[in-house]
N, C-alpha and C. Protein backbone atom coordinates (compact mmCIF):
# COMPACT_ATOMS: atom_id res chain seq x y z
N MET A 1 41.41 70.30 -36.23
CA MET A 1 41.15 69.26 -35.25
C MET A 1 42.37 68.34 -35.15
N SER A 2 42.85 68.13 -33.96
CA SER A 2 44.01 67.26 -33.80
C SER A 2 43.56 65.80 -33.64
N LEU A 3 44.46 64.91 -33.96
CA LEU A 3 44.18 63.49 -33.89
C LEU A 3 44.30 62.99 -32.46
N LYS A 4 43.60 61.91 -32.16
CA LYS A 4 43.64 61.28 -30.84
C LYS A 4 43.94 59.79 -30.97
N GLY A 5 44.53 59.23 -29.91
CA GLY A 5 44.74 57.79 -29.74
C GLY A 5 44.85 56.93 -30.98
N GLU A 6 43.78 56.20 -31.26
CA GLU A 6 43.79 55.24 -32.37
C GLU A 6 44.01 55.94 -33.71
N GLN A 7 43.49 57.15 -33.86
CA GLN A 7 43.70 57.90 -35.12
C GLN A 7 45.19 58.17 -35.33
N ILE A 8 45.87 58.55 -34.26
CA ILE A 8 47.32 58.80 -34.34
C ILE A 8 48.02 57.50 -34.75
N ALA A 9 47.68 56.42 -34.09
CA ALA A 9 48.31 55.13 -34.37
C ALA A 9 48.09 54.72 -35.82
N ARG A 10 46.87 54.89 -36.31
CA ARG A 10 46.57 54.52 -37.70
C ARG A 10 47.31 55.42 -38.69
N LYS A 11 47.47 56.69 -38.37
CA LYS A 11 48.23 57.61 -39.22
C LYS A 11 49.70 57.17 -39.26
N ILE A 12 50.24 56.76 -38.13
CA ILE A 12 51.62 56.28 -38.07
C ILE A 12 51.79 55.04 -38.95
N VAL A 13 50.83 54.12 -38.87
CA VAL A 13 50.87 52.92 -39.72
C VAL A 13 50.86 53.32 -41.19
N GLU A 14 50.02 54.28 -41.55
CA GLU A 14 49.93 54.74 -42.93
C GLU A 14 51.27 55.33 -43.40
N VAL A 15 51.87 56.17 -42.58
CA VAL A 15 53.15 56.79 -42.92
C VAL A 15 54.24 55.73 -43.04
N ALA A 16 54.29 54.81 -42.09
CA ALA A 16 55.30 53.75 -42.13
C ALA A 16 55.13 52.90 -43.39
N SER A 17 53.91 52.60 -43.74
CA SER A 17 53.62 51.82 -44.94
C SER A 17 54.06 52.59 -46.19
N ASP A 18 53.78 53.88 -46.23
CA ASP A 18 54.20 54.71 -47.36
C ASP A 18 55.71 54.74 -47.51
N LYS A 19 56.43 54.62 -46.40
CA LYS A 19 57.89 54.60 -46.41
C LYS A 19 58.43 53.16 -46.54
N GLN A 20 57.53 52.24 -46.85
CA GLN A 20 57.84 50.83 -47.10
C GLN A 20 58.50 50.13 -45.92
N ALA A 21 58.04 50.49 -44.71
CA ALA A 21 58.46 49.75 -43.53
C ALA A 21 57.98 48.30 -43.67
N GLU A 22 58.66 47.42 -43.00
CA GLU A 22 58.34 46.00 -43.08
C GLU A 22 57.65 45.54 -41.80
N ASP A 23 56.78 44.54 -41.97
CA ASP A 23 56.11 43.88 -40.84
C ASP A 23 55.55 44.90 -39.83
N ILE A 24 54.62 45.70 -40.30
CA ILE A 24 54.01 46.74 -39.48
C ILE A 24 52.88 46.13 -38.65
N VAL A 25 52.90 46.42 -37.35
CA VAL A 25 51.87 45.90 -36.44
C VAL A 25 51.35 47.06 -35.59
N LEU A 26 50.02 47.13 -35.49
CA LEU A 26 49.37 48.08 -34.58
C LEU A 26 48.69 47.25 -33.50
N LEU A 27 49.12 47.45 -32.25
CA LEU A 27 48.57 46.69 -31.12
C LEU A 27 47.80 47.61 -30.18
N ASP A 28 46.64 47.16 -29.76
CA ASP A 28 45.86 47.82 -28.72
C ASP A 28 46.32 47.23 -27.39
N VAL A 29 47.01 48.03 -26.59
CA VAL A 29 47.58 47.55 -25.32
C VAL A 29 46.86 48.15 -24.11
N ARG A 30 45.68 48.74 -24.34
CA ARG A 30 44.98 49.43 -23.25
C ARG A 30 44.69 48.55 -22.05
N GLU A 31 44.42 47.26 -22.26
CA GLU A 31 44.10 46.36 -21.15
C GLU A 31 45.35 45.82 -20.46
N LEU A 32 46.52 46.05 -21.04
CA LEU A 32 47.75 45.44 -20.54
C LEU A 32 48.79 46.44 -20.04
N CYS A 33 48.61 47.70 -20.36
CA CYS A 33 49.67 48.67 -20.19
C CYS A 33 49.14 49.95 -19.56
N SER A 34 49.88 50.51 -18.63
CA SER A 34 49.44 51.74 -17.96
C SER A 34 50.03 53.00 -18.59
N PHE A 35 51.04 52.88 -19.44
CA PHE A 35 51.72 54.06 -19.96
C PHE A 35 51.39 54.39 -21.42
N ALA A 36 50.61 53.54 -22.09
CA ALA A 36 50.22 53.81 -23.49
C ALA A 36 48.97 53.00 -23.81
N ASP A 37 48.29 53.44 -24.87
CA ASP A 37 47.10 52.73 -25.35
C ASP A 37 47.40 51.87 -26.57
N TYR A 38 48.35 52.33 -27.39
CA TYR A 38 48.65 51.65 -28.64
C TYR A 38 50.16 51.59 -28.85
N PHE A 39 50.60 50.48 -29.44
CA PHE A 39 51.97 50.34 -29.90
C PHE A 39 51.93 50.17 -31.41
N VAL A 40 52.82 50.86 -32.10
CA VAL A 40 53.08 50.58 -33.51
C VAL A 40 54.50 50.05 -33.57
N ILE A 41 54.65 48.86 -34.14
CA ILE A 41 55.95 48.22 -34.27
C ILE A 41 56.20 47.98 -35.75
N CYS A 42 57.38 48.37 -36.22
CA CYS A 42 57.72 48.12 -37.61
C CYS A 42 59.23 47.98 -37.75
N SER A 43 59.66 47.59 -38.94
CA SER A 43 61.09 47.39 -39.20
C SER A 43 61.50 48.13 -40.46
N GLY A 44 62.74 48.57 -40.45
CA GLY A 44 63.36 49.12 -41.65
C GLY A 44 64.44 48.18 -42.13
N ALA A 45 64.61 48.07 -43.44
CA ALA A 45 65.59 47.15 -44.00
C ALA A 45 67.01 47.66 -43.83
N THR A 46 67.17 48.98 -43.78
CA THR A 46 68.49 49.59 -43.64
C THR A 46 68.42 50.71 -42.61
N GLN A 47 69.58 51.17 -42.16
CA GLN A 47 69.61 52.31 -41.23
C GLN A 47 68.99 53.54 -41.89
N ARG A 48 69.29 53.74 -43.14
CA ARG A 48 68.74 54.90 -43.86
C ARG A 48 67.21 54.85 -43.91
N GLN A 49 66.66 53.68 -44.20
CA GLN A 49 65.21 53.55 -44.25
C GLN A 49 64.60 53.74 -42.86
N THR A 50 65.23 53.18 -41.85
CA THR A 50 64.74 53.34 -40.48
C THR A 50 64.68 54.82 -40.11
N SER A 51 65.71 55.54 -40.46
CA SER A 51 65.76 56.98 -40.20
C SER A 51 64.67 57.71 -40.98
N ALA A 52 64.47 57.34 -42.23
CA ALA A 52 63.45 57.98 -43.06
C ALA A 52 62.04 57.73 -42.51
N ILE A 53 61.79 56.54 -42.02
CA ILE A 53 60.48 56.22 -41.42
C ILE A 53 60.24 57.12 -40.22
N ALA A 54 61.22 57.19 -39.32
CA ALA A 54 61.08 58.01 -38.11
C ALA A 54 60.91 59.48 -38.46
N ASP A 55 61.70 59.98 -39.40
CA ASP A 55 61.61 61.39 -39.79
C ASP A 55 60.24 61.72 -40.37
N GLU A 56 59.72 60.83 -41.21
CA GLU A 56 58.42 61.10 -41.85
C GLU A 56 57.28 61.02 -40.84
N ILE A 57 57.36 60.10 -39.88
CA ILE A 57 56.35 60.04 -38.83
C ILE A 57 56.35 61.34 -38.05
N ASP A 58 57.53 61.78 -37.64
CA ASP A 58 57.63 63.01 -36.87
C ASP A 58 57.12 64.21 -37.65
N LYS A 59 57.51 64.31 -38.91
CA LYS A 59 57.08 65.43 -39.77
C LYS A 59 55.56 65.44 -39.95
N THR A 60 54.99 64.28 -40.22
CA THR A 60 53.55 64.17 -40.45
C THR A 60 52.76 64.48 -39.19
N LEU A 61 53.17 63.92 -38.07
CA LEU A 61 52.42 64.14 -36.83
C LEU A 61 52.60 65.56 -36.31
N HIS A 62 53.73 66.16 -36.57
CA HIS A 62 53.94 67.55 -36.15
C HIS A 62 52.88 68.46 -36.79
N LYS A 63 52.51 68.15 -38.03
CA LYS A 63 51.48 68.92 -38.74
C LYS A 63 50.09 68.66 -38.17
N LYS A 64 49.86 67.45 -37.66
CA LYS A 64 48.53 67.03 -37.21
C LYS A 64 48.24 67.38 -35.75
N GLY A 65 49.26 67.75 -34.99
CA GLY A 65 48.99 68.18 -33.62
C GLY A 65 49.71 67.46 -32.51
N PRO A 66 49.76 66.10 -32.49
CA PRO A 66 50.42 65.47 -31.35
C PRO A 66 51.91 65.75 -31.35
N LYS A 67 52.43 66.07 -30.19
CA LYS A 67 53.85 66.36 -30.07
C LYS A 67 54.61 65.10 -29.65
N LEU A 68 55.83 65.03 -30.11
CA LEU A 68 56.72 63.95 -29.70
C LEU A 68 57.16 64.24 -28.27
N ASN A 69 56.73 63.39 -27.33
CA ASN A 69 57.07 63.58 -25.92
C ASN A 69 58.50 63.17 -25.61
N HIS A 70 58.93 62.10 -26.27
CA HIS A 70 60.22 61.53 -25.92
C HIS A 70 60.69 60.65 -27.07
N LYS A 71 61.98 60.64 -27.30
CA LYS A 71 62.57 59.78 -28.33
C LYS A 71 63.80 59.12 -27.73
N GLU A 72 63.94 57.82 -27.98
CA GLU A 72 65.11 57.08 -27.51
C GLU A 72 65.71 56.29 -28.64
N GLY A 73 66.98 55.99 -28.51
CA GLY A 73 67.68 55.17 -29.49
C GLY A 73 68.08 55.99 -30.70
N ASP A 74 68.76 55.30 -31.61
CA ASP A 74 69.16 55.91 -32.87
C ASP A 74 69.34 54.79 -33.89
N VAL A 75 69.54 55.18 -35.13
CA VAL A 75 69.64 54.15 -36.17
C VAL A 75 70.83 53.22 -35.95
N ASP A 76 71.88 53.72 -35.32
CA ASP A 76 73.05 52.87 -35.06
C ASP A 76 72.73 51.74 -34.08
N SER A 77 71.81 52.00 -33.15
CA SER A 77 71.45 50.98 -32.17
C SER A 77 70.46 49.97 -32.74
N GLY A 78 69.80 50.31 -33.85
CA GLY A 78 68.83 49.40 -34.46
C GLY A 78 67.46 49.45 -33.83
N TRP A 79 67.22 50.39 -32.92
CA TRP A 79 65.91 50.50 -32.29
C TRP A 79 65.64 51.96 -31.95
N LEU A 80 64.60 52.49 -32.55
CA LEU A 80 64.14 53.84 -32.24
C LEU A 80 62.80 53.74 -31.54
N LEU A 81 62.62 54.48 -30.48
CA LEU A 81 61.35 54.55 -29.78
C LEU A 81 60.88 56.01 -29.83
N MET A 82 59.62 56.19 -30.24
CA MET A 82 59.03 57.52 -30.31
C MET A 82 57.76 57.50 -29.47
N ASP A 83 57.68 58.39 -28.50
CA ASP A 83 56.56 58.43 -27.56
C ASP A 83 55.65 59.61 -27.88
N TYR A 84 54.45 59.30 -28.31
CA TYR A 84 53.43 60.31 -28.58
C TYR A 84 52.30 60.25 -27.56
N GLY A 85 52.64 59.93 -26.33
CA GLY A 85 51.63 59.87 -25.27
C GLY A 85 50.86 58.56 -25.32
N ASP A 86 49.70 58.58 -25.92
CA ASP A 86 48.86 57.38 -26.02
C ASP A 86 49.45 56.33 -26.97
N VAL A 87 50.36 56.75 -27.81
CA VAL A 87 50.93 55.86 -28.84
C VAL A 87 52.46 55.84 -28.72
N ILE A 88 52.99 54.62 -28.65
CA ILE A 88 54.43 54.41 -28.64
C ILE A 88 54.80 53.72 -29.95
N VAL A 89 55.80 54.26 -30.64
CA VAL A 89 56.26 53.71 -31.91
C VAL A 89 57.63 53.07 -31.68
N HIS A 90 57.77 51.84 -32.16
CA HIS A 90 59.05 51.12 -32.12
C HIS A 90 59.46 50.85 -33.56
N ILE A 91 60.61 51.37 -33.96
CA ILE A 91 61.13 51.13 -35.30
C ILE A 91 62.45 50.38 -35.14
N PHE A 92 62.46 49.16 -35.63
CA PHE A 92 63.61 48.28 -35.46
C PHE A 92 64.35 48.04 -36.77
N GLY A 93 65.62 47.70 -36.63
CA GLY A 93 66.33 47.01 -37.70
C GLY A 93 65.88 45.55 -37.64
N ALA A 94 66.03 44.81 -38.72
CA ALA A 94 65.52 43.43 -38.76
C ALA A 94 66.14 42.54 -37.68
N GLU A 95 67.44 42.62 -37.49
CA GLU A 95 68.10 41.77 -36.50
C GLU A 95 67.66 42.12 -35.08
N GLU A 96 67.54 43.40 -34.80
CA GLU A 96 67.15 43.85 -33.45
C GLU A 96 65.71 43.44 -33.15
N ARG A 97 64.85 43.49 -34.14
CA ARG A 97 63.46 43.09 -33.91
C ARG A 97 63.38 41.61 -33.55
N GLU A 98 64.15 40.82 -34.25
CA GLU A 98 64.18 39.38 -33.97
C GLU A 98 64.76 39.12 -32.58
N PHE A 99 65.77 39.88 -32.20
CA PHE A 99 66.41 39.70 -30.90
C PHE A 99 65.47 40.07 -29.75
N TYR A 100 64.82 41.24 -29.83
CA TYR A 100 63.99 41.71 -28.73
C TYR A 100 62.60 41.08 -28.68
N LYS A 101 62.10 40.60 -29.81
CA LYS A 101 60.82 39.89 -29.88
C LYS A 101 59.69 40.65 -29.16
N LEU A 102 59.62 41.95 -29.40
CA LEU A 102 58.61 42.78 -28.75
C LEU A 102 57.19 42.31 -29.08
N ASP A 103 57.00 41.83 -30.31
CA ASP A 103 55.69 41.31 -30.71
C ASP A 103 55.25 40.17 -29.79
N LYS A 104 56.18 39.30 -29.44
CA LYS A 104 55.86 38.16 -28.57
C LYS A 104 55.68 38.60 -27.12
N LEU A 105 56.47 39.59 -26.70
CA LEU A 105 56.34 40.11 -25.34
C LEU A 105 54.93 40.65 -25.10
N TRP A 106 54.35 41.28 -26.11
CA TRP A 106 53.00 41.86 -26.01
C TRP A 106 51.97 41.00 -26.76
N ALA A 107 52.17 39.69 -26.78
CA ALA A 107 51.31 38.78 -27.54
C ALA A 107 49.86 38.81 -27.09
N GLN A 108 49.59 39.22 -25.85
CA GLN A 108 48.21 39.27 -25.37
C GLN A 108 47.48 40.54 -25.80
N ALA A 109 48.20 41.46 -26.41
CA ALA A 109 47.57 42.69 -26.91
C ALA A 109 46.67 42.35 -28.10
N VAL A 110 45.69 43.23 -28.34
CA VAL A 110 44.78 43.03 -29.46
C VAL A 110 45.41 43.60 -30.72
N PRO A 111 45.68 42.74 -31.72
CA PRO A 111 46.24 43.26 -32.97
C PRO A 111 45.14 43.94 -33.79
N LEU A 112 45.33 45.20 -34.15
CA LEU A 112 44.36 45.93 -34.94
C LEU A 112 44.73 45.93 -36.42
N ILE A 113 46.03 45.97 -36.69
CA ILE A 113 46.53 45.96 -38.08
C ILE A 113 47.82 45.17 -38.10
N ARG A 114 47.99 44.38 -39.16
CA ARG A 114 49.26 43.71 -39.42
C ARG A 114 49.50 43.76 -40.92
N ILE A 115 50.58 44.42 -41.31
CA ILE A 115 50.97 44.52 -42.72
C ILE A 115 52.35 43.89 -42.83
N GLU A 116 52.42 42.77 -43.54
CA GLU A 116 53.71 42.07 -43.66
C GLU A 116 54.39 42.37 -44.95
């Protein structure tokens, strides 16, 4: 059985947490957004950690069924975006997260999980 929507998002949070991502947030954006249902936003302390978080998410979800539709950015840019259809993952470097303030941009979304 493959995972759907919120299950995918929660699995991503679990993987990011296992990889010691910082300030992990799961937002329900269904009422605000037409292109996704959930956002997972997290930060890596280093480029290496950011890469490891993204790699482990991709590896884990590949086993569970949802395919990566699209990926943007790289560790050098400080922002990776991974599109799993209903779930969009944003993995930032600390400085880039502060600069883009994505959490504030989507402040009206319903926070389902926050791990600081």
